[in-house]
């Protein structure tokens, strides 16, 4: 697997919908788009993290203004700034492979223990950067 590095220079404030993994993910994005409008005009992320031993998923879109989540009846999530390792993946029709790719990324040298997993959907929504935090 080819990997690259990327740095978020600032924290990213998002509006989000939490979902059960894996069955609630599609519905979370539908809800996000319904409340936030055309999310394809924003940076779109998926965030996976272990909370109390359970994998939780958040469908996120970059916030356009402070307090937007509250106005829209959504939750806020802050994607932490820092260095990330990523690989580019064509996800449509291959969603079932995302978990295995994250598992492989988490085994790479230099990855932060307990890293969140970030799906950073690119402009045309065809490619996604699957990202993990570096230590």
C-alpha atoms as a PDB file:
ATOM      1  CA  UNK A   1       0.000   0.000   0.000  1.00  0.00           C
ATOM      2  CA  UNK A   2       1.382   3.399  -0.964  1.00  0.00           C
ATOM      3  CA  UNK A   3       1.149   5.978   1.820  1.00  0.00           C
ATOM      4  CA  UNK A   4       1.777   9.696   1.976  1.00  0.00           C
ATOM      5  CA  UNK A   5       1.807  12.319   4.704  1.00  0.00           C
ATOM      6  CA  UNK A   6      -0.463  15.320   5.119  1.00  0.00           C
ATOM      7  CA  UNK A   7      -0.727  17.975   7.792  1.00  0.00           C
ATOM      8  CA  UNK A   8      -3.852  19.745   8.953  1.00  0.00           C
ATOM      9  CA  UNK A   9      -2.324  23.063  10.019  1.00  0.00           C
ATOM     10  CA  UNK A  10      -5.409  24.045  12.053  1.00  0.00           C
ATOM     11  CA  UNK A  11      -8.133  22.147  13.875  1.00  0.00           C
ATOM     12  CA  UNK A  12     -11.171  21.636  11.644  1.00  0.00           C
ATOM     13  CA  UNK A  13     -14.554  22.495  13.134  1.00  0.00           C
ATOM     14  CA  UNK A  14     -17.275  20.299  11.685  1.00  0.00           C
ATOM     15  CA  UNK A  15     -20.987  19.688  11.970  1.00  0.00           C
ATOM     16  CA  UNK A  16     -21.753  16.005  12.298  1.00  0.00           C
ATOM     17  CA  UNK A  17     -24.190  13.164  12.781  1.00  0.00           C
ATOM     18  CA  UNK A  18     -23.143  10.194  14.906  1.00  0.00           C
ATOM     19  CA  UNK A  19     -23.879   6.705  13.637  1.00  0.00           C
ATOM     20  CA  UNK A  20     -23.742   3.118  14.754  1.00  0.00           C
ATOM     21  CA  UNK A  21     -21.049   1.244  12.885  1.00  0.00           C
ATOM     22  CA  UNK A  22     -21.527  -0.007  10.224  1.00  0.00           C
ATOM     23  CA  UNK A  23     -25.279  -0.037   9.685  1.00  0.00           C
ATOM     24  CA  UNK A  24     -26.055   3.616  10.419  1.00  0.00           C
ATOM     25  CA  UNK A  25     -23.450   5.261   8.219  1.00  0.00           C
ATOM     26  CA  UNK A  26     -25.531   5.880   5.067  1.00  0.00           C
ATOM     27  CA  UNK A  27     -28.427   7.282   7.086  1.00  0.00           C
ATOM     28  CA  UNK A  28     -26.029   9.594   8.931  1.00  0.00           C
ATOM     29  CA  UNK A  29     -24.868  11.143   5.648  1.00  0.00           C
ATOM     30  CA  UNK A  30     -28.486  11.514   4.469  1.00  0.00           C
ATOM     31  CA  UNK A  31     -29.355  13.312   7.715  1.00  0.00           C
ATOM     32  CA  UNK A  32     -26.249  15.488   7.451  1.00  0.00           C
ATOM     33  CA  UNK A  33     -27.118  16.559   3.911  1.00  0.00           C
ATOM     34  CA  UNK A  34     -30.760  17.102   4.803  1.00  0.00           C
ATOM     35  CA  UNK A  35     -29.880  19.490   7.638  1.00  0.00           C
ATOM     36  CA  UNK A  36     -26.684  21.116   6.352  1.00  0.00           C
ATOM     37  CA  UNK A  37     -27.662  21.470   2.705  1.00  0.00           C
ATOM     38  CA  UNK A  38     -25.464  20.467  -0.197  1.00  0.00           C
ATOM     39  CA  UNK A  39     -22.551  18.969   1.683  1.00  0.00           C
ATOM     40  CA  UNK A  40     -20.672  18.334  -1.558  1.00  0.00           C
ATOM     41  CA  UNK A  41     -19.864  22.060  -1.533  1.00  0.00           C
ATOM     42  CA  UNK A  42     -18.000  21.566   1.758  1.00  0.00           C
ATOM     43  CA  UNK A  43     -15.116  19.353   2.825  1.00  0.00           C
ATOM     44  CA  UNK A  44     -16.686  16.061   3.889  1.00  0.00           C
ATOM     45  CA  UNK A  45     -15.193  13.663   6.424  1.00  0.00           C
ATOM     46  CA  UNK A  46     -15.988  10.411   8.146  1.00  0.00           C
ATOM     47  CA  UNK A  47     -14.433   9.887  11.565  1.00  0.00           C
ATOM     48  CA  UNK A  48     -14.102   6.535  13.322  1.00  0.00           C
ATOM     49  CA  UNK A  49     -12.951   6.225  16.909  1.00  0.00           C
ATOM     50  CA  UNK A  50     -13.107   3.768  19.756  1.00  0.00           C
ATOM     51  CA  UNK A  51     -15.196   5.043  22.674  1.00  0.00           C
ATOM     52  CA  UNK A  52     -15.548   2.798  25.708  1.00  0.00           C
ATOM     53  CA  UNK A  53     -14.549  -0.223  23.624  1.00  0.00           C
ATOM     54  CA  UNK A  54     -17.152   0.472  20.923  1.00  0.00           C
ATOM     55  CA  UNK A  55     -16.415   1.780  17.416  1.00  0.00           C
ATOM     56  CA  UNK A  56     -18.300   5.025  16.818  1.00  0.00           C
ATOM     57  CA  UNK A  57     -18.675   6.772  13.476  1.00  0.00           C
ATOM     58  CA  UNK A  58     -19.345  10.421  12.697  1.00  0.00           C
ATOM     59  CA  UNK A  59     -20.446  11.735   9.306  1.00  0.00           C
ATOM     60  CA  UNK A  60     -18.979  15.253   9.202  1.00  0.00           C
ATOM     61  CA  UNK A  61     -18.969  18.341   7.002  1.00  0.00           C
ATOM     62  CA  UNK A  62     -16.780  21.373   7.536  1.00  0.00           C
ATOM     63  CA  UNK A  63     -18.644  24.056   9.486  1.00  0.00           C
ATOM     64  CA  UNK A  64     -19.210  27.280   7.582  1.00  0.00           C
ATOM     65  CA  UNK A  65     -19.503  29.477  10.690  1.00  0.00           C
ATOM     66  CA  UNK A  66     -19.145  29.235  14.466  1.00  0.00           C
ATOM     67  CA  UNK A  67     -22.270  27.844  16.135  1.00  0.00           C
ATOM     68  CA  UNK A  68     -23.608  26.357  12.910  1.00  0.00           C
ATOM     69  CA  UNK A  69     -24.103  22.895  14.410  1.00  0.00           C
ATOM     70  CA  UNK A  70     -26.438  24.213  17.086  1.00  0.00           C
ATOM     71  CA  UNK A  71     -28.445  26.207  14.518  1.00  0.00           C
ATOM     72  CA  UNK A  72     -28.871  23.073  12.387  1.00  0.00           C
ATOM     73  CA  UNK A  73     -29.635  20.718  15.276  1.00  0.00           C
ATOM     74  CA  UNK A  74     -26.400  18.808  14.695  1.00  0.00           C
ATOM     75  CA  UNK A  75     -23.398  17.942  16.847  1.00  0.00           C
ATOM     76  CA  UNK A  76     -19.982  19.542  16.596  1.00  0.00           C
ATOM     77  CA  UNK A  77     -16.740  17.632  16.172  1.00  0.00           C
ATOM     78  CA  UNK A  78     -13.224  19.023  16.068  1.00  0.00           C
ATOM     79  CA  UNK A  79     -10.790  17.180  13.797  1.00  0.00           C
ATOM     80  CA  UNK A  80      -7.415  17.732  15.441  1.00  0.00           C
ATOM     81  CA  UNK A  81      -4.631  19.501  13.622  1.00  0.00           C
ATOM     82  CA  UNK A  82      -1.441  17.566  13.122  1.00  0.00           C
ATOM     83  CA  UNK A  83       0.354  15.129  10.865  1.00  0.00           C
ATOM     84  CA  UNK A  84      -1.451  12.211   9.293  1.00  0.00           C
ATOM     85  CA  UNK A  85      -0.515   9.232   7.154  1.00  0.00           C
ATOM     86  CA  UNK A  86      -2.942   8.454   4.351  1.00  0.00           C
ATOM     87  CA  UNK A  87      -3.597   6.319   1.342  1.00  0.00           C
ATOM     88  CA  UNK A  88      -5.878   7.192  -1.587  1.00  0.00           C
ATOM     89  CA  UNK A  89      -8.799   4.820  -2.150  1.00  0.00           C
ATOM     90  CA  UNK A  90     -11.577   4.671  -4.767  1.00  0.00           C
ATOM     91  CA  UNK A  91     -14.368   3.855  -2.360  1.00  0.00           C
ATOM     92  CA  UNK A  92     -17.577   3.629  -4.410  1.00  0.00           C
ATOM     93  CA  UNK A  93     -18.549  -0.023  -4.609  1.00  0.00           C
ATOM     94  CA  UNK A  94     -15.600  -0.899  -2.368  1.00  0.00           C
ATOM     95  CA  UNK A  95     -16.890   0.371   0.980  1.00  0.00           C
ATOM     96  CA  UNK A  96     -16.461  -3.076   2.505  1.00  0.00           C
ATOM     97  CA  UNK A  97     -12.650  -2.746   2.154  1.00  0.00           C
ATOM     98  CA  UNK A  98     -12.290   0.473   4.161  1.00  0.00           C
ATOM     99  CA  UNK A  99     -12.042  -1.264   7.547  1.00  0.00           C
ATOM    100  CA  UNK A 100      -9.254  -3.544   6.357  1.00  0.00           C
ATOM    101  CA  UNK A 101      -7.302  -0.611   4.941  1.00  0.00           C
ATOM    102  CA  UNK A 102      -7.586   1.273   8.226  1.00  0.00           C
ATOM    103  CA  UNK A 103      -6.405  -1.844  10.087  1.00  0.00           C
ATOM    104  CA  UNK A 104      -3.358  -1.971   7.813  1.00  0.00           C
ATOM    105  CA  UNK A 105      -2.654   1.765   8.242  1.00  0.00           C
ATOM    106  CA  UNK A 106      -2.819   1.458  12.019  1.00  0.00           C
ATOM    107  CA  UNK A 107      -0.018  -1.134  11.877  1.00  0.00           C
ATOM    108  CA  UNK A 108       2.390   1.200  10.076  1.00  0.00           C
ATOM    109  CA  UNK A 109       5.415   2.540  11.975  1.00  0.00           C
ATOM    110  CA  UNK A 110       4.968   5.993  13.493  1.00  0.00           C
ATOM    111  CA  UNK A 111       1.172   5.854  13.860  1.00  0.00           C
ATOM    112  CA  UNK A 112      -0.213   7.300  17.089  1.00  0.00           C
ATOM    113  CA  UNK A 113      -1.555   4.695  19.504  1.00  0.00           C
ATOM    114  CA  UNK A 114      -5.352   4.965  19.666  1.00  0.00           C
ATOM    115  CA  UNK A 115      -5.481   7.089  16.504  1.00  0.00           C
ATOM    116  CA  UNK A 116      -8.797   8.144  15.087  1.00  0.00           C
ATOM    117  CA  UNK A 117      -9.489   7.117  11.484  1.00  0.00           C
ATOM    118  CA  UNK A 118     -10.477   9.884   9.083  1.00  0.00           C
ATOM    119  CA  UNK A 119     -12.066   9.526   5.678  1.00  0.00           C
ATOM    120  CA  UNK A 120     -11.357  12.768   3.802  1.00  0.00           C
ATOM    121  CA  UNK A 121     -13.571  12.762   0.696  1.00  0.00           C
ATOM    122  CA  UNK A 122     -11.995  14.559  -2.232  1.00  0.00           C
ATOM    123  CA  UNK A 123     -13.643  17.090  -4.531  1.00  0.00           C
ATOM    124  CA  UNK A 124     -15.457  14.810  -6.951  1.00  0.00           C
ATOM    125  CA  UNK A 125     -16.303  12.345  -4.139  1.00  0.00           C
ATOM    126  CA  UNK A 126     -14.724   9.517  -6.148  1.00  0.00           C
ATOM    127  CA  UNK A 127     -11.555   9.239  -4.081  1.00  0.00           C
ATOM    128  CA  UNK A 128     -11.165   9.275  -0.332  1.00  0.00           C
ATOM    129  CA  UNK A 129      -8.023   9.746   1.690  1.00  0.00           C
ATOM    130  CA  UNK A 130      -8.020   7.184   4.492  1.00  0.00           C
ATOM    131  CA  UNK A 131      -6.008   8.857   7.232  1.00  0.00           C
ATOM    132  CA  UNK A 132      -4.536   8.005  10.641  1.00  0.00           C
ATOM    133  CA  UNK A 133      -2.707  10.264  13.066  1.00  0.00           C
ATOM    134  CA  UNK A 134       1.056  10.157  13.330  1.00  0.00           C
ATOM    135  CA  UNK A 135       2.718  10.167  16.742  1.00  0.00           C
END
